[in-house]
N, C-alpha and C. Protein backbone atom coordinates (compact mmCIF):
# COMPACT_ATOMS: atom_id res chain seq x y z
N MET A 1 9.17 25.08 -6.91
CA MET A 1 9.41 23.68 -6.58
C MET A 1 8.93 22.88 -6.87
N SER A 2 8.58 22.02 -8.02
CA SER A 2 7.52 21.05 -7.87
C SER A 2 8.08 19.11 -7.71
N LYS A 3 7.45 18.22 -7.17
CA LYS A 3 7.28 16.80 -6.57
C LYS A 3 7.06 15.81 -7.51
N PRO A 4 8.21 15.54 -8.67
CA PRO A 4 7.32 14.70 -9.62
C PRO A 4 6.86 12.70 -8.61
N VAL A 5 5.91 12.29 -9.00
CA VAL A 5 5.60 11.60 -7.90
C VAL A 5 5.35 9.70 -9.29
N VAL A 6 6.14 8.80 -8.86
CA VAL A 6 6.21 8.02 -10.21
C VAL A 6 5.51 6.33 -9.47
N VAL A 7 4.09 6.40 -10.74
CA VAL A 7 3.21 4.69 -10.31
C VAL A 7 3.26 4.31 -10.54
N SER A 8 4.19 3.00 -10.72
CA SER A 8 3.87 1.59 -11.43
C SER A 8 3.34 0.38 -10.90
N ILE A 9 2.24 -0.21 -12.33
CA ILE A 9 0.72 -0.89 -12.31
C ILE A 9 1.13 -2.46 -12.89
N PRO A 10 1.56 -3.20 -12.58
CA PRO A 10 1.71 -4.04 -13.48
C PRO A 10 -0.02 -4.40 -13.49
N HIS A 11 -0.20 -4.86 -14.74
CA HIS A 11 -1.24 -5.60 -15.28
C HIS A 11 -0.81 -6.85 -16.15
N GLU A 12 -2.19 -7.36 -16.53
CA GLU A 12 -2.17 -9.16 -16.85
C GLU A 12 -2.81 -8.75 -18.36
N LEU A 13 -3.22 -7.02 -18.77
CA LEU A 13 -3.96 -7.09 -20.18
C LEU A 13 -3.78 -7.11 -21.41
N GLY A 14 -2.15 -6.87 -21.15
CA GLY A 14 -1.60 -6.75 -22.05
C GLY A 14 -1.89 -5.25 -22.53
N ARG A 15 -0.66 -4.54 -23.91
CA ARG A 15 -0.19 -2.99 -23.77
C ARG A 15 -1.07 -3.22 -24.54
N ALA A 16 -1.90 -3.21 -25.19
CA ALA A 16 -3.41 -2.55 -26.60
C ALA A 16 -4.43 -2.73 -25.75
N GLU A 17 -4.88 -3.80 -24.94
CA GLU A 17 -6.44 -3.56 -24.14
C GLU A 17 -5.87 -2.26 -22.55
N ALA A 18 -4.24 -2.77 -22.05
CA ALA A 18 -4.16 -1.47 -21.09
C ALA A 18 -4.75 -0.10 -21.92
N ARG A 19 -3.86 0.42 -22.40
CA ARG A 19 -3.88 1.40 -23.68
C ARG A 19 -5.31 1.79 -24.02
N ARG A 20 -5.86 0.90 -24.02
CA ARG A 20 -7.97 1.60 -24.43
C ARG A 20 -8.16 1.78 -23.37
N ARG A 21 -8.20 0.98 -21.62
CA ARG A 21 -8.44 1.86 -20.49
C ARG A 21 -7.21 2.30 -20.33
N ILE A 22 -7.35 3.01 -20.79
CA ILE A 22 -6.37 4.52 -20.03
C ILE A 22 -7.31 5.52 -21.02
N GLU A 23 -6.98 4.68 -22.86
CA GLU A 23 -7.11 6.56 -23.09
C GLU A 23 -9.00 6.87 -22.57
N GLU A 24 -9.58 5.26 -22.05
CA GLU A 24 -11.34 5.40 -21.72
C GLU A 24 -11.05 5.80 -19.92
N GLY A 25 -10.81 5.94 -19.54
CA GLY A 25 -10.59 5.89 -18.68
C GLY A 25 -8.57 7.93 -17.71
N VAL A 26 -8.49 8.42 -18.60
CA VAL A 26 -7.76 9.26 -18.29
C VAL A 26 -7.91 10.01 -17.23
N GLY A 27 -9.75 10.17 -17.26
CA GLY A 27 -9.74 11.41 -16.80
C GLY A 27 -10.17 11.00 -15.32
N ARG A 28 -11.02 10.00 -15.57
CA ARG A 28 -10.87 9.67 -13.86
C ARG A 28 -9.57 9.52 -13.03
N LEU A 29 -8.42 9.02 -13.50
CA LEU A 29 -7.19 9.39 -12.72
C LEU A 29 -7.10 10.22 -12.45
N THR A 30 -6.79 11.58 -13.72
CA THR A 30 -6.17 12.60 -12.81
C THR A 30 -7.37 13.68 -12.49
N SER A 31 -8.42 12.69 -12.31
CA SER A 31 -9.46 13.30 -11.33
C SER A 31 -9.22 13.09 -9.68
N GLN A 32 -8.15 11.97 -10.09
CA GLN A 32 -7.64 11.91 -8.48
C GLN A 32 -6.89 13.25 -7.70
N ILE A 33 -6.22 14.34 -8.98
CA ILE A 33 -5.78 15.37 -8.85
C ILE A 33 -5.83 16.44 -8.29
N GLY A 34 -7.28 17.03 -8.52
CA GLY A 34 -8.15 17.47 -8.67
C GLY A 34 -8.40 18.29 -9.42
N ALA A 35 -8.29 18.10 -10.78
CA ALA A 35 -7.84 19.10 -11.83
C ALA A 35 -9.49 19.56 -12.19
N VAL A 36 -9.58 21.17 -12.72
CA VAL A 36 -10.18 21.38 -12.94
C VAL A 36 -10.22 22.51 -14.67
N GLY A 37 -11.14 22.00 -15.13
CA GLY A 37 -10.76 22.68 -16.56
C GLY A 37 -10.27 22.09 -17.42
N ASP A 38 -9.72 22.49 -18.49
CA ASP A 38 -9.71 21.50 -19.74
C ASP A 38 -8.29 21.04 -19.50
N LEU A 39 -8.80 19.27 -20.59
CA LEU A 39 -7.20 18.15 -19.83
C LEU A 39 -6.89 17.89 -21.52
N GLU A 40 -5.37 18.51 -21.59
CA GLU A 40 -4.94 18.44 -22.84
C GLU A 40 -3.88 16.58 -23.13
N GLN A 41 -4.02 15.91 -23.66
CA GLN A 41 -3.83 14.46 -24.42
C GLN A 41 -3.35 14.35 -25.78
N GLY A 42 -2.07 13.80 -25.44
CA GLY A 42 -1.77 12.61 -27.26
C GLY A 42 -0.75 12.51 -27.19
N TRP A 43 -0.57 11.23 -27.40
CA TRP A 43 0.18 10.15 -27.46
C TRP A 43 1.31 10.03 -28.00
N GLN A 44 2.44 9.98 -28.20
CA GLN A 44 3.36 9.94 -28.20
C GLN A 44 3.71 7.98 -28.77
N GLY A 45 3.67 7.07 -29.10
CA GLY A 45 3.65 5.79 -29.32
C GLY A 45 2.62 5.32 -28.20
N ASP A 46 3.31 4.14 -27.26
CA ASP A 46 1.99 4.38 -26.25
C ASP A 46 2.58 4.62 -25.14
N THR A 47 2.81 6.06 -25.31
CA THR A 47 3.21 7.10 -23.34
C THR A 47 2.03 7.89 -24.33
N LEU A 48 1.34 8.28 -22.88
CA LEU A 48 0.24 9.09 -23.45
C LEU A 48 1.18 10.90 -22.16
N HIS A 49 0.69 11.92 -23.03
CA HIS A 49 1.37 13.00 -23.01
C HIS A 49 0.12 14.60 -21.78
N PHE A 50 -0.35 14.30 -21.23
CA PHE A 50 -1.30 15.41 -20.94
C PHE A 50 -0.58 16.55 -19.71
N SER A 51 -1.48 17.50 -19.33
CA SER A 51 -1.45 18.43 -19.48
C SER A 51 -2.85 18.94 -18.59
N LEU A 52 -3.07 19.72 -17.39
CA LEU A 52 -3.94 20.30 -16.37
C LEU A 52 -4.51 20.73 -15.50
N ARG A 53 -4.79 22.15 -15.85
CA ARG A 53 -5.25 23.02 -14.92
C ARG A 53 -5.90 22.82 -13.81
N ALA A 54 -4.93 22.78 -12.38
CA ALA A 54 -5.42 21.89 -11.12
C ALA A 54 -5.44 23.36 -9.52
N ILE A 55 -6.56 23.99 -9.44
CA ILE A 55 -6.50 24.99 -8.53
C ILE A 55 -5.78 26.21 -8.89
N GLY A 56 -5.69 26.20 -9.64
CA GLY A 56 -4.68 27.55 -10.33
C GLY A 56 -3.45 26.63 -11.03
N GLN A 57 -2.75 26.10 -11.02
CA GLN A 57 -1.29 25.78 -11.67
C GLN A 57 -1.32 24.38 -12.64
N THR A 58 -0.68 24.48 -13.24
CA THR A 58 -0.71 23.71 -14.00
C THR A 58 0.28 22.34 -13.73
N VAL A 59 -0.41 21.28 -14.55
CA VAL A 59 -0.16 19.60 -13.85
C VAL A 59 0.66 19.12 -15.10
N THR A 60 2.23 18.05 -15.76
CA THR A 60 1.66 17.78 -16.23
C THR A 60 2.45 16.29 -15.77
N GLY A 61 2.60 15.46 -17.33
CA GLY A 61 2.58 14.31 -16.76
C GLY A 61 2.70 13.24 -17.85
N THR A 62 3.21 12.18 -17.72
CA THR A 62 2.63 10.83 -18.85
C THR A 62 2.20 9.41 -18.38
N ILE A 63 1.72 9.18 -19.08
CA ILE A 63 1.42 7.63 -19.01
C ILE A 63 1.98 5.88 -19.96
N GLY A 64 3.29 5.67 -20.01
CA GLY A 64 4.00 4.70 -20.33
C GLY A 64 2.74 3.29 -20.20
N VAL A 65 2.18 2.93 -21.57
CA VAL A 65 1.78 1.69 -21.37
C VAL A 65 2.46 0.10 -21.92
N ALA A 66 2.76 -0.47 -20.86
CA ALA A 66 3.96 -0.99 -21.44
C ALA A 66 2.90 -2.84 -20.56
N GLU A 67 3.92 -4.29 -21.57
CA GLU A 67 3.53 -5.24 -21.66
C GLU A 67 2.21 -5.39 -20.78
N ARG A 68 3.25 -5.42 -19.19
CA ARG A 68 2.32 -6.24 -18.25
C ARG A 68 2.55 -4.24 -17.09
N GLU A 69 2.55 -3.74 -18.32
CA GLU A 69 2.80 -2.05 -16.69
C GLU A 69 3.04 -1.64 -16.95
N VAL A 70 2.02 -0.41 -16.51
CA VAL A 70 1.36 0.76 -16.72
C VAL A 70 2.18 1.78 -15.61
N ARG A 71 3.18 2.78 -16.06
CA ARG A 71 3.36 3.60 -15.41
C ARG A 71 3.63 4.76 -15.55
N LEU A 72 3.46 5.13 -14.46
CA LEU A 72 3.40 7.25 -14.47
C LEU A 72 3.35 8.16 -14.23
N GLU A 73 3.49 9.40 -14.92
CA GLU A 73 4.55 10.05 -13.83
C GLU A 73 4.36 11.37 -13.90
N VAL A 74 3.99 12.04 -12.65
CA VAL A 74 2.64 13.48 -13.22
C VAL A 74 4.39 14.10 -11.96
N ASP A 75 4.58 14.98 -12.80
CA ASP A 75 4.72 16.39 -11.66
C ASP A 75 3.68 17.49 -11.41
N LEU A 76 4.46 17.19 -9.73
CA LEU A 76 2.93 18.34 -8.81
C LEU A 76 4.32 19.28 -9.18
N PRO A 77 3.56 20.48 -9.45
CA PRO A 77 4.34 21.65 -8.63
C PRO A 77 3.63 22.17 -7.76
N GLY A 78 4.47 23.59 -6.23
CA GLY A 78 3.36 24.04 -5.88
C GLY A 78 3.07 23.48 -4.93
N VAL A 79 1.54 23.44 -4.72
CA VAL A 79 0.97 23.54 -3.56
C VAL A 79 0.63 21.46 -3.18
N PHE A 80 1.05 21.22 -4.86
CA PHE A 80 0.87 19.86 -4.51
C PHE A 80 1.74 18.86 -4.06
N ALA A 81 2.58 19.20 -4.05
CA ALA A 81 4.55 18.88 -3.53
C ALA A 81 4.10 18.59 -2.12
N MET A 82 3.39 19.61 -1.47
CA MET A 82 2.88 19.13 -0.04
C MET A 82 1.86 17.75 0.69
N ILE A 83 1.06 17.26 -1.03
CA ILE A 83 0.49 15.58 -0.52
C ILE A 83 0.65 15.31 -1.36
N ALA A 84 2.23 14.69 -2.60
CA ALA A 84 2.60 14.31 -3.38
C ALA A 84 2.50 12.52 -2.80
N GLY A 85 2.33 12.14 -1.61
CA GLY A 85 2.38 10.84 -0.75
C GLY A 85 0.79 10.35 -1.34
N LYS A 86 -0.49 11.90 -0.83
CA LYS A 86 -1.83 10.94 -1.42
C LYS A 86 -2.12 11.58 -2.21
N VAL A 87 -1.67 11.95 -3.42
CA VAL A 87 -1.94 12.13 -4.37
C VAL A 87 -1.35 10.80 -5.54
N LYS A 88 -0.30 10.49 -4.91
CA LYS A 88 0.35 8.78 -5.36
C LYS A 88 -0.66 7.61 -4.76
N GLY A 89 -0.92 8.03 -3.34
CA GLY A 89 -1.78 6.80 -3.35
C GLY A 89 -2.79 6.13 -3.95
N ARG A 90 -3.50 7.68 -4.31
CA ARG A 90 -5.23 8.15 -5.67
C ARG A 90 -4.93 7.57 -6.32
N LEU A 91 -4.02 7.68 -7.10
CA LEU A 91 -3.68 7.59 -8.48
C LEU A 91 -2.90 5.62 -8.04
N ARG A 92 -2.58 4.84 -7.70
CA ARG A 92 -2.00 4.19 -7.57
C ARG A 92 -3.26 3.61 -7.32
N ASP A 93 -4.58 3.89 -6.47
CA ASP A 93 -5.45 3.00 -6.38
C ASP A 93 -6.44 2.94 -7.49
N GLU A 94 -6.62 4.14 -8.07
CA GLU A 94 -7.77 4.71 -9.52
C GLU A 94 -6.94 3.93 -10.33
N GLY A 95 -5.51 3.32 -10.91
CA GLY A 95 -5.52 2.76 -12.25
C GLY A 95 -4.90 1.51 -12.33
N ARG A 96 -5.44 0.85 -9.99
CA ARG A 96 -5.60 -0.48 -10.57
C ARG A 96 -6.25 -1.25 -10.28
N LEU A 97 -8.08 0.42 -10.29
CA LEU A 97 -9.19 -0.25 -10.46
C LEU A 97 -9.43 -0.01 -11.81
N LEU A 98 -8.71 0.78 -13.02
CA LEU A 98 -8.64 0.87 -14.14
C LEU A 98 -8.37 -0.59 -15.03
N LEU A 99 -7.28 -0.72 -14.26
CA LEU A 99 -6.28 -2.45 -15.29
C LEU A 99 -6.66 -3.64 -14.29
N SER A 100 -8.54 -3.19 -14.05
CA SER A 100 -7.99 -4.71 -12.55
C SER A 100 -9.45 -5.06 -14.04
N GLY A 101 -9.62 -6.96 -13.50
CA GLY A 101 -10.89 -7.27 -13.52
C GLY A 101 -10.41 -7.69 -15.13
N PRO A 102 -11.72 -8.29 -16.41
CA PRO A 102 -10.58 -9.89 -16.34
C PRO A 102 -10.47 -8.88 -18.74
N LYS A 103 -10.21 -9.11 -19.59
CA LYS A 103 -10.15 -9.16 -20.29
C LYS A 103 -11.04 -7.87 -21.16
N ALA A 104 -11.78 -7.26 -22.26
CA ALA A 104 -13.36 -7.41 -22.18
C ALA A 104 -12.53 -7.51 -24.55
N ARG A 105 -13.62 -8.50 -24.08
CA ARG A 105 -14.07 -8.92 -25.80
C ARG A 105 -14.69 -8.10 -26.50
């Protein structure tokens, strides 16, 4: 049985800059789940859909980019559901780092 983890991160970057940072940093975010192997990802509009393997399980999720907020939704299977709180905190912290700081010029 899987457990969804949802993290909303406010930002002041605007949609385009937030999306650029997500594109460059999605590997950092997914590493917080303990991912190994290939990360599959693709954009549909302003939502990044991803899937990855971690400890023999497939983790799927989305990262939705809005003008003032980024919303991560990760479906944690099996063993990961037990540590959902810890994963949520790590995703939130890494996401805030990724989206903090001045706008790139």
